[in-house]
């Protein structure tokens, strides 16, 4: 019997909802959007997630439940409340220059929440996996550009193509370059001296993995187990 109350996918989903609620309450989002509706839809997700904790269904069965469908519907309603599929553009267009870094952090947190919710069903379909990394996505990407961090020479800013979307990742591996095929964990956003990072490259003591196999936007192949340790720690920390 699968202990669904300890399924990392459900636990991370609930924490991402809490992150979204805090972000929406504190973010200075200028433009036409429906804050009350966004908050209400997110709040409606919480009891749906919690009701799944004690079903003791296996993950594939959970993926087929009405609760998961309801959660996805609520997420679609949130996107509409924010302004539609390209919701973040209006916020970036209207932000003051001195508030841009904080807004980019808020947008990254909202995107993280939406990615967790919209990907929940597919992660559940992967079956009975009792590992923190199953709570988030680890994808294959290609670095499309690398730039210097404006405030330190110890970090680089990478634009990463994941096929269906592009993200920004801040790294301390100064040997990365355009065209590197990487594995990236889509973690809760972190800010490195005003620059928001939407993920973390997988790697080890010798730097990040730069020749990863797999389709862009898909699950990377042949990743060394030790390269996942830091991601596990970050997920556990997020849940605490």
Foldseek 3Di string as FASTA:
>chain_A
DAQLLQPLQLLLLLLLLVLLLVLLVPDDFDDQFASVLLNVLSVVLNVLSVVRRPPSDWLLVVLPDVSLVSNLVSLQSNCVRLPHDPSCVNRCVPDDPVCNLVSVLSVLSNVQNSQSSVCSSVLSNVIDDNANLSNWDKFKWFFAAKAADPPDNQKIWTWIDQPVDIFIAIDRPPPDGGGFIWIWTQANWDDDPSHIGRTDTFDDPVDGRRHWDDDRNHHTPDDDPVSCVVVRVRSVVSSD
